[in-house]
Amino acid sequence: MTYMSRALLIFLLLAMLPAGAQEYSHRLTGTFGALNPISGSQANTFGSAPMLGFDYGFRFYRYAQADVGVDIGFANQNLLSGEVRRNIYLPRFGYRAIIPLWHDKIEASAGAGAGYSFLKPTISGYEFWLVYGQLGANYALDRDGRYRTGFTLRWYRDPIGVPVQQWLTFGAEFSYSLGRF
């Protein structure tokens, strides 16, 4: 990841931090699931892989949330010389609309944003800017709705590459919320 990309992610994270946690809502989320290549040059060498995701969400408004996060796939790359262990990183930032249902016990969400794909150990030519769309739903485990569990589906796509790189992630999530909403 280049210095400029890291600086941009840090700037976006700091821009979303509020002066006080009691006026806004923050959500920390952990996800476990699968990362699946759909198309592109990486789809031929990678198979489905276990995935961990981490997110920080900030709500300026009850029905909308800004997100910063990363999905990490722990994959094996099939090369002519054999299998090589590679981690696939997909840092992202975006925005989602949230629809509370059933007295705020269930939340459905849909959103979009931008991300960046890179591998470790690094391979030149395997880094891509991506756009993504996501759908999700979660259920409140406590009366206040601070602890929630649910699922998230994300579809990543390289908007300008040929062949088009596409990834699909699906995962179960657990989140903790701070603040008012």
N, C-alpha and C. Protein backbone atom coordinates (compact mmCIF):
# COMPACT_ATOMS: atom_id res chain seq x y z
N MET A 1 0.86 -1.17 0.00
CA MET A 1 0.00 0.00 0.00
C MET A 1 0.90 1.23 0.00
N THR A 2 0.61 2.16 -0.86
CA THR A 2 1.46 3.33 -0.97
C THR A 2 1.23 4.29 0.19
N TYR A 3 2.17 5.19 0.36
CA TYR A 3 2.07 6.18 1.43
C TYR A 3 0.81 7.02 1.27
N MET A 4 0.47 7.39 0.02
CA MET A 4 -0.71 8.22 -0.23
C MET A 4 -1.99 7.49 0.16
N SER A 5 -2.08 6.19 -0.14
CA SER A 5 -3.27 5.41 0.21
C SER A 5 -3.43 5.31 1.72
N ARG A 6 -2.34 5.09 2.44
CA ARG A 6 -2.40 5.03 3.90
C ARG A 6 -2.81 6.37 4.48
N ALA A 7 -2.25 7.44 3.96
CA ALA A 7 -2.58 8.77 4.45
C ALA A 7 -4.06 9.08 4.22
N LEU A 8 -4.60 8.67 3.07
CA LEU A 8 -6.01 8.90 2.77
C LEU A 8 -6.90 8.14 3.75
N LEU A 9 -6.59 6.88 4.03
CA LEU A 9 -7.39 6.10 4.97
C LEU A 9 -7.33 6.69 6.38
N ILE A 10 -6.17 7.12 6.82
CA ILE A 10 -6.04 7.73 8.15
C ILE A 10 -6.82 9.04 8.21
N PHE A 11 -6.73 9.85 7.16
CA PHE A 11 -7.47 11.11 7.12
C PHE A 11 -8.98 10.87 7.20
N LEU A 12 -9.48 9.89 6.44
CA LEU A 12 -10.92 9.61 6.47
C LEU A 12 -11.37 9.12 7.84
N LEU A 13 -10.56 8.29 8.48
CA LEU A 13 -10.91 7.81 9.81
C LEU A 13 -10.94 8.97 10.81
N LEU A 14 -9.94 9.84 10.78
CA LEU A 14 -9.91 10.98 11.70
C LEU A 14 -11.03 11.98 11.42
N ALA A 15 -11.41 12.14 10.16
CA ALA A 15 -12.48 13.08 9.82
C ALA A 15 -13.82 12.63 10.36
N MET A 16 -13.98 11.31 10.57
CA MET A 16 -15.26 10.81 11.06
C MET A 16 -15.34 10.73 12.58
N LEU A 17 -14.25 10.96 13.28
CA LEU A 17 -14.30 10.92 14.74
C LEU A 17 -14.95 12.19 15.28
N PRO A 18 -15.90 12.09 16.18
CA PRO A 18 -16.59 13.28 16.70
C PRO A 18 -15.89 13.83 17.94
N ALA A 19 -16.36 14.99 18.38
CA ALA A 19 -15.83 15.59 19.60
C ALA A 19 -16.27 14.83 20.84
N GLY A 20 -17.47 14.27 20.84
CA GLY A 20 -17.97 13.53 21.99
C GLY A 20 -18.80 12.35 21.56
N ALA A 21 -18.64 11.22 22.23
CA ALA A 21 -19.32 10.00 21.83
C ALA A 21 -20.81 10.02 22.15
N GLN A 22 -21.29 10.95 22.96
CA GLN A 22 -22.69 10.95 23.35
C GLN A 22 -23.59 11.62 22.32
N GLU A 23 -23.05 12.35 21.37
CA GLU A 23 -23.87 13.04 20.40
C GLU A 23 -24.06 12.24 19.12
N TYR A 24 -23.21 11.30 18.85
CA TYR A 24 -23.26 10.54 17.62
C TYR A 24 -23.18 9.06 17.94
N SER A 25 -23.41 8.25 16.95
CA SER A 25 -23.35 6.82 17.15
C SER A 25 -22.14 6.24 16.43
N HIS A 26 -21.41 5.41 17.12
CA HIS A 26 -20.25 4.71 16.57
C HIS A 26 -20.56 3.23 16.58
N ARG A 27 -20.07 2.52 15.60
CA ARG A 27 -20.28 1.07 15.57
C ARG A 27 -18.97 0.39 15.18
N LEU A 28 -18.55 -0.54 16.02
CA LEU A 28 -17.39 -1.38 15.74
C LEU A 28 -17.90 -2.77 15.38
N THR A 29 -17.42 -3.30 14.25
CA THR A 29 -17.94 -4.57 13.75
C THR A 29 -16.80 -5.50 13.36
N GLY A 30 -16.94 -6.75 13.71
CA GLY A 30 -16.04 -7.81 13.27
C GLY A 30 -16.84 -8.81 12.44
N THR A 31 -16.24 -9.29 11.36
CA THR A 31 -16.92 -10.20 10.43
C THR A 31 -16.04 -11.42 10.17
N PHE A 32 -16.67 -12.58 10.09
CA PHE A 32 -15.98 -13.80 9.68
C PHE A 32 -16.79 -14.43 8.56
N GLY A 33 -16.13 -14.78 7.46
CA GLY A 33 -16.86 -15.36 6.34
C GLY A 33 -15.94 -15.88 5.27
N ALA A 34 -16.34 -15.67 4.00
CA ALA A 34 -15.60 -16.18 2.86
C ALA A 34 -15.36 -15.08 1.83
N LEU A 35 -14.20 -15.14 1.20
CA LEU A 35 -13.82 -14.25 0.10
C LEU A 35 -13.75 -15.11 -1.15
N ASN A 36 -14.51 -14.76 -2.18
CA ASN A 36 -14.60 -15.56 -3.40
C ASN A 36 -14.26 -14.72 -4.62
N PRO A 37 -13.28 -15.15 -5.43
CA PRO A 37 -13.03 -14.46 -6.69
C PRO A 37 -14.10 -14.85 -7.70
N ILE A 38 -14.62 -13.85 -8.44
CA ILE A 38 -15.66 -14.13 -9.42
C ILE A 38 -15.09 -14.10 -10.84
N SER A 39 -14.32 -13.04 -11.15
CA SER A 39 -13.75 -12.95 -12.49
C SER A 39 -12.47 -12.13 -12.45
N GLY A 40 -11.73 -12.18 -13.56
CA GLY A 40 -10.48 -11.46 -13.67
C GLY A 40 -9.29 -12.39 -13.58
N SER A 41 -8.10 -11.83 -13.68
CA SER A 41 -6.89 -12.65 -13.66
C SER A 41 -6.69 -13.36 -12.33
N GLN A 42 -7.15 -12.77 -11.24
CA GLN A 42 -6.98 -13.40 -9.93
C GLN A 42 -7.95 -14.56 -9.72
N ALA A 43 -9.06 -14.57 -10.44
CA ALA A 43 -10.04 -15.65 -10.29
C ALA A 43 -9.48 -16.98 -10.77
N ASN A 44 -8.53 -16.95 -11.71
CA ASN A 44 -7.94 -18.18 -12.24
C ASN A 44 -6.93 -18.80 -11.28
N THR A 45 -6.33 -18.00 -10.41
CA THR A 45 -5.28 -18.52 -9.53
C THR A 45 -5.71 -18.66 -8.08
N PHE A 46 -6.78 -17.98 -7.67
CA PHE A 46 -7.26 -18.06 -6.29
C PHE A 46 -8.59 -18.79 -6.24
N GLY A 47 -8.82 -19.51 -5.15
CA GLY A 47 -10.12 -20.11 -4.89
C GLY A 47 -10.77 -19.38 -3.73
N SER A 48 -11.87 -19.93 -3.24
CA SER A 48 -12.53 -19.35 -2.06
C SER A 48 -11.58 -19.42 -0.87
N ALA A 49 -11.66 -18.42 -0.02
CA ALA A 49 -10.75 -18.34 1.12
C ALA A 49 -11.49 -17.83 2.35
N PRO A 50 -11.06 -18.24 3.55
CA PRO A 50 -11.64 -17.66 4.76
C PRO A 50 -11.32 -16.17 4.82
N MET A 51 -12.23 -15.39 5.40
CA MET A 51 -12.09 -13.94 5.42
C MET A 51 -12.43 -13.40 6.80
N LEU A 52 -11.64 -12.42 7.25
CA LEU A 52 -11.94 -11.63 8.44
C LEU A 52 -12.15 -10.20 8.00
N GLY A 53 -13.12 -9.53 8.60
CA GLY A 53 -13.37 -8.13 8.29
C GLY A 53 -13.50 -7.32 9.55
N PHE A 54 -13.05 -6.07 9.49
CA PHE A 54 -13.13 -5.14 10.61
C PHE A 54 -13.67 -3.82 10.07
N ASP A 55 -14.64 -3.24 10.79
CA ASP A 55 -15.28 -2.00 10.35
C ASP A 55 -15.44 -1.02 11.50
N TYR A 56 -15.35 0.25 11.15
CA TYR A 56 -15.75 1.33 12.04
C TYR A 56 -16.81 2.11 11.30
N GLY A 57 -17.99 2.26 11.91
CA GLY A 57 -19.08 3.01 11.31
C GLY A 57 -19.42 4.22 12.15
N PHE A 58 -19.73 5.31 11.50
CA PHE A 58 -20.07 6.56 12.18
C PHE A 58 -21.37 7.09 11.61
N ARG A 59 -22.35 7.32 12.47
CA ARG A 59 -23.65 7.83 12.02
C ARG A 59 -23.77 9.31 12.31
N PHE A 60 -23.87 10.08 11.24
CA PHE A 60 -24.18 11.50 11.36
C PHE A 60 -25.68 11.66 11.57
N TYR A 61 -26.44 10.69 11.11
CA TYR A 61 -27.89 10.72 11.07
C TYR A 61 -28.37 9.29 11.34
N ARG A 62 -29.54 9.14 11.88
CA ARG A 62 -30.03 7.82 12.29
C ARG A 62 -30.10 6.81 11.15
N TYR A 63 -30.41 7.26 9.94
CA TYR A 63 -30.64 6.34 8.83
C TYR A 63 -29.47 6.26 7.85
N ALA A 64 -28.30 6.76 8.21
CA ALA A 64 -27.14 6.72 7.32
C ALA A 64 -25.86 6.56 8.13
N GLN A 65 -24.91 5.83 7.58
CA GLN A 65 -23.66 5.55 8.30
C GLN A 65 -22.49 5.59 7.33
N ALA A 66 -21.42 6.30 7.71
CA ALA A 66 -20.16 6.28 6.97
C ALA A 66 -19.32 5.14 7.52
N ASP A 67 -18.67 4.40 6.63
CA ASP A 67 -17.90 3.21 7.02
C ASP A 67 -16.45 3.31 6.56
N VAL A 68 -15.55 2.79 7.39
CA VAL A 68 -14.16 2.55 7.03
C VAL A 68 -13.85 1.16 7.52
N GLY A 69 -13.25 0.34 6.68
CA GLY A 69 -12.97 -1.03 7.11
C GLY A 69 -11.99 -1.73 6.20
N VAL A 70 -11.76 -3.00 6.51
CA VAL A 70 -10.88 -3.84 5.70
C VAL A 70 -11.40 -5.28 5.75
N ASP A 71 -11.36 -5.94 4.61
CA ASP A 71 -11.62 -7.37 4.53
C ASP A 71 -10.28 -8.03 4.20
N ILE A 72 -9.95 -9.10 4.91
CA ILE A 72 -8.68 -9.80 4.72
C ILE A 72 -8.98 -11.25 4.41
N GLY A 73 -8.57 -11.70 3.22
CA GLY A 73 -8.74 -13.09 2.82
C GLY A 73 -7.44 -13.85 2.99
N PHE A 74 -7.51 -15.04 3.56
CA PHE A 74 -6.33 -15.88 3.79
C PHE A 74 -6.36 -16.99 2.74
N ALA A 75 -5.71 -16.75 1.60
CA ALA A 75 -5.88 -17.60 0.42
C ALA A 75 -4.59 -18.30 0.02
N ASN A 76 -4.75 -19.29 -0.84
CA ASN A 76 -3.64 -19.95 -1.50
C ASN A 76 -3.73 -19.63 -2.98
N GLN A 77 -2.58 -19.25 -3.56
CA GLN A 77 -2.54 -18.95 -4.98
C GLN A 77 -1.95 -20.16 -5.69
N ASN A 78 -2.66 -20.66 -6.69
CA ASN A 78 -2.20 -21.82 -7.45
C ASN A 78 -1.37 -21.34 -8.63
N LEU A 79 -0.07 -21.61 -8.55
CA LEU A 79 0.86 -21.24 -9.62
C LEU A 79 1.38 -22.51 -10.27
N LEU A 80 2.07 -22.36 -11.40
CA LEU A 80 2.65 -23.52 -12.07
C LEU A 80 3.68 -24.22 -11.18
N SER A 81 4.36 -23.46 -10.33
CA SER A 81 5.37 -24.03 -9.44
C SER A 81 4.78 -24.61 -8.16
N GLY A 82 3.47 -24.47 -7.96
CA GLY A 82 2.81 -25.00 -6.77
C GLY A 82 1.98 -23.94 -6.09
N GLU A 83 1.47 -24.27 -4.90
CA GLU A 83 0.64 -23.33 -4.14
C GLU A 83 1.50 -22.39 -3.31
N VAL A 84 1.09 -21.12 -3.27
CA VAL A 84 1.77 -20.11 -2.48
C VAL A 84 0.74 -19.44 -1.59
N ARG A 85 1.06 -19.29 -0.32
CA ARG A 85 0.16 -18.65 0.65
C ARG A 85 0.20 -17.13 0.46
N ARG A 86 -0.96 -16.51 0.24
CA ARG A 86 -1.05 -15.06 0.07
C ARG A 86 -2.25 -14.54 0.84
N ASN A 87 -2.10 -13.38 1.43
CA ASN A 87 -3.21 -12.68 2.07
C ASN A 87 -3.70 -11.60 1.12
N ILE A 88 -5.01 -11.51 0.96
CA ILE A 88 -5.63 -10.52 0.09
C ILE A 88 -6.27 -9.46 0.98
N TYR A 89 -5.84 -8.22 0.83
CA TYR A 89 -6.34 -7.11 1.65
C TYR A 89 -7.25 -6.24 0.79
N LEU A 90 -8.42 -5.90 1.33
CA LEU A 90 -9.38 -5.03 0.66
C LEU A 90 -9.80 -3.91 1.60
N PRO A 91 -8.94 -2.89 1.82
CA PRO A 91 -9.38 -1.74 2.62
C PRO A 91 -10.41 -0.93 1.84
N ARG A 92 -11.38 -0.35 2.56
CA ARG A 92 -12.48 0.33 1.89
C ARG A 92 -13.04 1.45 2.73
N PHE A 93 -13.77 2.34 2.07
CA PHE A 93 -14.54 3.36 2.75
C PHE A 93 -15.79 3.61 1.91
N GLY A 94 -16.89 3.92 2.60
CA GLY A 94 -18.13 4.11 1.87
C GLY A 94 -19.24 4.62 2.77
N TYR A 95 -20.45 4.49 2.30
CA TYR A 95 -21.61 5.02 2.99
C TYR A 95 -22.75 4.03 2.82
N ARG A 96 -23.58 3.89 3.83
CA ARG A 96 -24.73 2.98 3.74
C ARG A 96 -25.98 3.63 4.30
N ALA A 97 -27.11 3.25 3.74
CA ALA A 97 -28.42 3.65 4.26
C ALA A 97 -28.90 2.53 5.17
N ILE A 98 -29.49 2.90 6.30
CA ILE A 98 -29.95 1.93 7.30
C ILE A 98 -31.45 2.08 7.48
N ILE A 99 -32.14 0.96 7.44
CA ILE A 99 -33.59 0.95 7.60
C ILE A 99 -33.92 0.15 8.86
N PRO A 100 -34.33 0.81 9.96
CA PRO A 100 -34.73 0.07 11.16
C PRO A 100 -36.11 -0.58 10.97
N LEU A 101 -36.22 -1.81 11.41
CA LEU A 101 -37.47 -2.56 11.30
C LEU A 101 -37.83 -3.17 12.65
N TRP A 102 -39.08 -3.49 12.82
CA TRP A 102 -39.57 -4.21 13.99
C TRP A 102 -39.10 -3.57 15.29
N HIS A 103 -39.46 -2.31 15.49
CA HIS A 103 -39.13 -1.53 16.69
C HIS A 103 -37.62 -1.46 16.93
N ASP A 104 -36.85 -1.27 15.88
CA ASP A 104 -35.39 -1.15 15.91
C ASP A 104 -34.67 -2.43 16.31
N LYS A 105 -35.35 -3.56 16.38
CA LYS A 105 -34.68 -4.82 16.70
C LYS A 105 -33.89 -5.33 15.49
N ILE A 106 -34.39 -5.07 14.29
CA ILE A 106 -33.73 -5.50 13.06
C ILE A 106 -33.35 -4.25 12.27
N GLU A 107 -32.15 -4.26 11.69
CA GLU A 107 -31.70 -3.19 10.80
C GLU A 107 -31.28 -3.81 9.47
N ALA A 108 -31.86 -3.31 8.40
CA ALA A 108 -31.43 -3.68 7.05
C ALA A 108 -30.58 -2.53 6.51
N SER A 109 -29.58 -2.85 5.70
CA SER A 109 -28.72 -1.79 5.17
C SER A 109 -28.30 -2.10 3.74
N ALA A 110 -28.05 -1.03 3.00
CA ALA A 110 -27.52 -1.11 1.64
C ALA A 110 -26.58 0.06 1.46
N GLY A 111 -25.45 -0.19 0.81
CA GLY A 111 -24.48 0.89 0.65
C GLY A 111 -23.52 0.65 -0.49
N ALA A 112 -22.60 1.60 -0.66
CA ALA A 112 -21.60 1.54 -1.72
C ALA A 112 -20.39 2.34 -1.29
N GLY A 113 -19.29 2.14 -2.01
CA GLY A 113 -18.08 2.88 -1.70
C GLY A 113 -16.95 2.48 -2.62
N ALA A 114 -15.73 2.79 -2.18
CA ALA A 114 -14.52 2.51 -2.95
C ALA A 114 -13.54 1.74 -2.07
N GLY A 115 -12.69 0.98 -2.72
CA GLY A 115 -11.69 0.20 -1.99
C GLY A 115 -10.45 0.00 -2.83
N TYR A 116 -9.52 -0.75 -2.29
CA TYR A 116 -8.24 -1.01 -2.94
C TYR A 116 -7.86 -2.44 -2.63
N SER A 117 -7.42 -3.18 -3.61
CA SER A 117 -7.05 -4.58 -3.43
C SER A 117 -5.55 -4.73 -3.60
N PHE A 118 -4.91 -5.41 -2.63
CA PHE A 118 -3.49 -5.74 -2.78
C PHE A 118 -3.20 -7.03 -2.06
N LEU A 119 -2.08 -7.64 -2.42
CA LEU A 119 -1.67 -8.93 -1.87
C LEU A 119 -0.43 -8.77 -1.02
N LYS A 120 -0.27 -9.64 -0.05
CA LYS A 120 0.96 -9.75 0.73
C LYS A 120 1.33 -11.21 0.76
N PRO A 121 2.51 -11.65 0.44
CA PRO A 121 3.62 -10.91 -0.14
C PRO A 121 3.20 -10.25 -1.47
N THR A 122 3.77 -9.09 -1.72
CA THR A 122 3.39 -8.23 -2.83
C THR A 122 3.76 -8.84 -4.18
N ILE A 123 2.85 -8.68 -5.13
CA ILE A 123 3.09 -9.04 -6.53
C ILE A 123 2.74 -7.80 -7.35
N SER A 124 3.68 -7.30 -8.13
CA SER A 124 3.39 -6.12 -8.93
C SER A 124 2.35 -6.48 -9.99
N GLY A 125 1.43 -5.56 -10.24
CA GLY A 125 0.37 -5.78 -11.21
C GLY A 125 -0.88 -6.39 -10.61
N TYR A 126 -0.86 -6.73 -9.32
CA TYR A 126 -2.03 -7.32 -8.66
C TYR A 126 -2.70 -6.33 -7.71
N GLU A 127 -2.46 -5.05 -7.89
CA GLU A 127 -3.09 -4.02 -7.07
C GLU A 127 -4.13 -3.30 -7.91
N PHE A 128 -5.35 -3.14 -7.36
CA PHE A 128 -6.46 -2.58 -8.12
C PHE A 128 -7.29 -1.66 -7.25
N TRP A 129 -7.76 -0.56 -7.84
CA TRP A 129 -8.81 0.24 -7.21
C TRP A 129 -10.13 -0.42 -7.53
N LEU A 130 -11.03 -0.44 -6.56
CA LEU A 130 -12.30 -1.13 -6.71
C LEU A 130 -13.45 -0.23 -6.26
N VAL A 131 -14.63 -0.54 -6.74
CA VAL A 131 -15.87 0.00 -6.18
C VAL A 131 -16.60 -1.19 -5.57
N TYR A 132 -17.48 -0.92 -4.62
CA TYR A 132 -18.22 -2.03 -4.02
C TYR A 132 -19.65 -1.62 -3.70
N GLY A 133 -20.49 -2.63 -3.62
CA GLY A 133 -21.86 -2.48 -3.15
C GLY A 133 -22.07 -3.50 -2.04
N GLN A 134 -22.92 -3.19 -1.10
CA GLN A 134 -23.14 -4.12 0.02
C GLN A 134 -24.59 -4.13 0.45
N LEU A 135 -25.00 -5.28 0.95
CA LEU A 135 -26.30 -5.49 1.56
C LEU A 135 -26.07 -6.17 2.89
N GLY A 136 -26.89 -5.85 3.88
CA GLY A 136 -26.72 -6.48 5.17
C GLY A 136 -27.98 -6.38 6.01
N ALA A 137 -27.99 -7.16 7.06
CA ALA A 137 -29.07 -7.12 8.04
C ALA A 137 -28.50 -7.57 9.38
N ASN A 138 -29.03 -7.03 10.46
CA ASN A 138 -28.58 -7.46 11.78
C ASN A 138 -29.74 -7.41 12.76
N TYR A 139 -29.56 -8.08 13.88
CA TYR A 139 -30.58 -8.22 14.90
C TYR A 139 -30.00 -7.81 16.24
N ALA A 140 -30.72 -7.01 17.01
CA ALA A 140 -30.26 -6.54 18.32
C ALA A 140 -30.35 -7.69 19.33
N LEU A 141 -29.25 -7.92 20.05
CA LEU A 141 -29.21 -8.97 21.06
C LEU A 141 -29.63 -8.48 22.44
N ASP A 142 -29.59 -7.16 22.65
CA ASP A 142 -30.01 -6.59 23.93
C ASP A 142 -31.10 -5.55 23.70
N ARG A 143 -31.70 -5.09 24.75
CA ARG A 143 -32.82 -4.15 24.65
C ARG A 143 -32.39 -2.80 24.08
N ASP A 144 -31.19 -2.35 24.39
CA ASP A 144 -30.71 -1.05 23.91
C ASP A 144 -30.18 -1.10 22.48
N GLY A 145 -29.96 -2.28 21.92
CA GLY A 145 -29.45 -2.41 20.57
C GLY A 145 -27.96 -2.14 20.44
N ARG A 146 -27.23 -2.21 21.53
CA ARG A 146 -25.78 -1.99 21.46
C ARG A 146 -25.04 -3.19 20.89
N TYR A 147 -25.48 -4.38 21.20
CA TYR A 147 -24.88 -5.61 20.68
C TYR A 147 -25.78 -6.16 19.59
N ARG A 148 -25.19 -6.41 18.41
CA ARG A 148 -25.97 -6.90 17.28
C ARG A 148 -25.21 -8.01 16.56
N THR A 149 -25.97 -8.90 15.95
CA THR A 149 -25.37 -9.93 15.11
C THR A 149 -26.16 -9.99 13.82
N GLY A 150 -25.49 -10.37 12.73
CA GLY A 150 -26.16 -10.41 11.43
C GLY A 150 -25.25 -10.91 10.35
N PHE A 151 -25.47 -10.45 9.12
CA PHE A 151 -24.65 -10.85 7.97
C PHE A 151 -24.44 -9.66 7.04
N THR A 152 -23.40 -9.75 6.22
CA THR A 152 -23.10 -8.73 5.22
C THR A 152 -22.64 -9.42 3.94
N LEU A 153 -23.10 -8.93 2.82
CA LEU A 153 -22.70 -9.39 1.50
C LEU A 153 -22.10 -8.19 0.77
N ARG A 154 -20.86 -8.33 0.29
CA ARG A 154 -20.20 -7.25 -0.47
C ARG A 154 -19.76 -7.77 -1.82
N TRP A 155 -19.95 -6.94 -2.83
CA TRP A 155 -19.51 -7.26 -4.18
C TRP A 155 -18.53 -6.17 -4.61
N TYR A 156 -17.27 -6.55 -4.79
CA TYR A 156 -16.21 -5.63 -5.23
C TYR A 156 -16.03 -5.78 -6.74
N ARG A 157 -15.72 -4.66 -7.41
CA ARG A 157 -15.52 -4.70 -8.85
C ARG A 157 -14.52 -3.63 -9.26
N ASP A 158 -13.61 -4.00 -10.18
CA ASP A 158 -12.69 -3.05 -10.78
C ASP A 158 -13.44 -2.36 -11.91
N PRO A 159 -13.70 -1.04 -11.80
CA PRO A 159 -14.57 -0.39 -12.79
C PRO A 159 -13.92 -0.16 -14.15
N ILE A 160 -12.59 -0.24 -14.25
CA ILE A 160 -11.95 0.10 -15.53
C ILE A 160 -11.02 -0.97 -16.06
N GLY A 161 -10.77 -2.02 -15.33
CA GLY A 161 -9.80 -3.03 -15.75
C GLY A 161 -10.33 -3.99 -16.79
N VAL A 162 -9.41 -4.57 -17.54
CA VAL A 162 -9.73 -5.62 -18.49
C VAL A 162 -8.71 -6.72 -18.29
N PRO A 163 -9.04 -7.92 -17.90
CA PRO A 163 -10.37 -8.36 -17.56
C PRO A 163 -10.81 -7.76 -16.22
N VAL A 164 -12.10 -7.65 -16.04
CA VAL A 164 -12.67 -7.03 -14.85
C VAL A 164 -12.42 -7.91 -13.63
N GLN A 165 -11.79 -7.33 -12.59
CA GLN A 165 -11.59 -8.04 -11.33
C GLN A 165 -12.87 -7.94 -10.51
N GLN A 166 -13.36 -9.06 -10.00
CA GLN A 166 -14.54 -9.05 -9.16
C GLN A 166 -14.34 -10.00 -7.99
N TRP A 167 -14.75 -9.57 -6.80
CA TRP A 167 -14.69 -10.37 -5.59
C TRP A 167 -16.05 -10.32 -4.91
N LEU A 168 -16.41 -11.38 -4.24
CA LEU A 168 -17.65 -11.44 -3.48
C LEU A 168 -17.30 -11.92 -2.07
N THR A 169 -17.74 -11.17 -1.06
CA THR A 169 -17.54 -11.59 0.33
C THR A 169 -18.90 -11.77 0.98
N PHE A 170 -18.99 -12.77 1.82
CA PHE A 170 -20.19 -13.01 2.60
C PHE A 170 -19.73 -13.40 3.99
N GLY A 171 -20.30 -12.76 5.01
CA GLY A 171 -19.85 -13.07 6.36
C GLY A 171 -20.88 -12.81 7.43
N ALA A 172 -20.71 -13.54 8.52
CA ALA A 172 -21.49 -13.30 9.73
C ALA A 172 -20.78 -12.22 10.52
N GLU A 173 -21.53 -11.28 11.10
CA GLU A 173 -20.91 -10.17 11.79
C GLU A 173 -21.43 -10.04 13.21
N PHE A 174 -20.60 -9.44 14.04
CA PHE A 174 -20.96 -9.08 15.40
C PHE A 174 -20.54 -7.65 15.62
N SER A 175 -21.42 -6.80 16.15
CA SER A 175 -21.07 -5.39 16.30
C SER A 175 -21.45 -4.88 17.69
N TYR A 176 -20.72 -3.83 18.08
CA TYR A 176 -20.97 -3.12 19.33
C TYR A 176 -21.13 -1.64 18.99
N SER A 177 -22.17 -1.02 19.53
CA SER A 177 -22.45 0.38 19.24
C SER A 177 -22.26 1.25 20.48
N LEU A 178 -21.77 2.47 20.26
CA LEU A 178 -21.60 3.50 21.28
C LEU A 178 -22.39 4.72 20.84
N GLY A 179 -22.92 5.47 21.75
CA GLY A 179 -23.60 6.71 21.41
C GLY A 179 -25.11 6.57 21.48
N ARG A 180 -25.81 7.50 20.85
CA ARG A 180 -27.26 7.63 21.03
C ARG A 180 -28.13 6.75 20.16
N PHE A 181 -27.89 6.62 18.90
CA PHE A 181 -28.84 5.97 18.01
C PHE A 181 -28.94 4.54 18.38
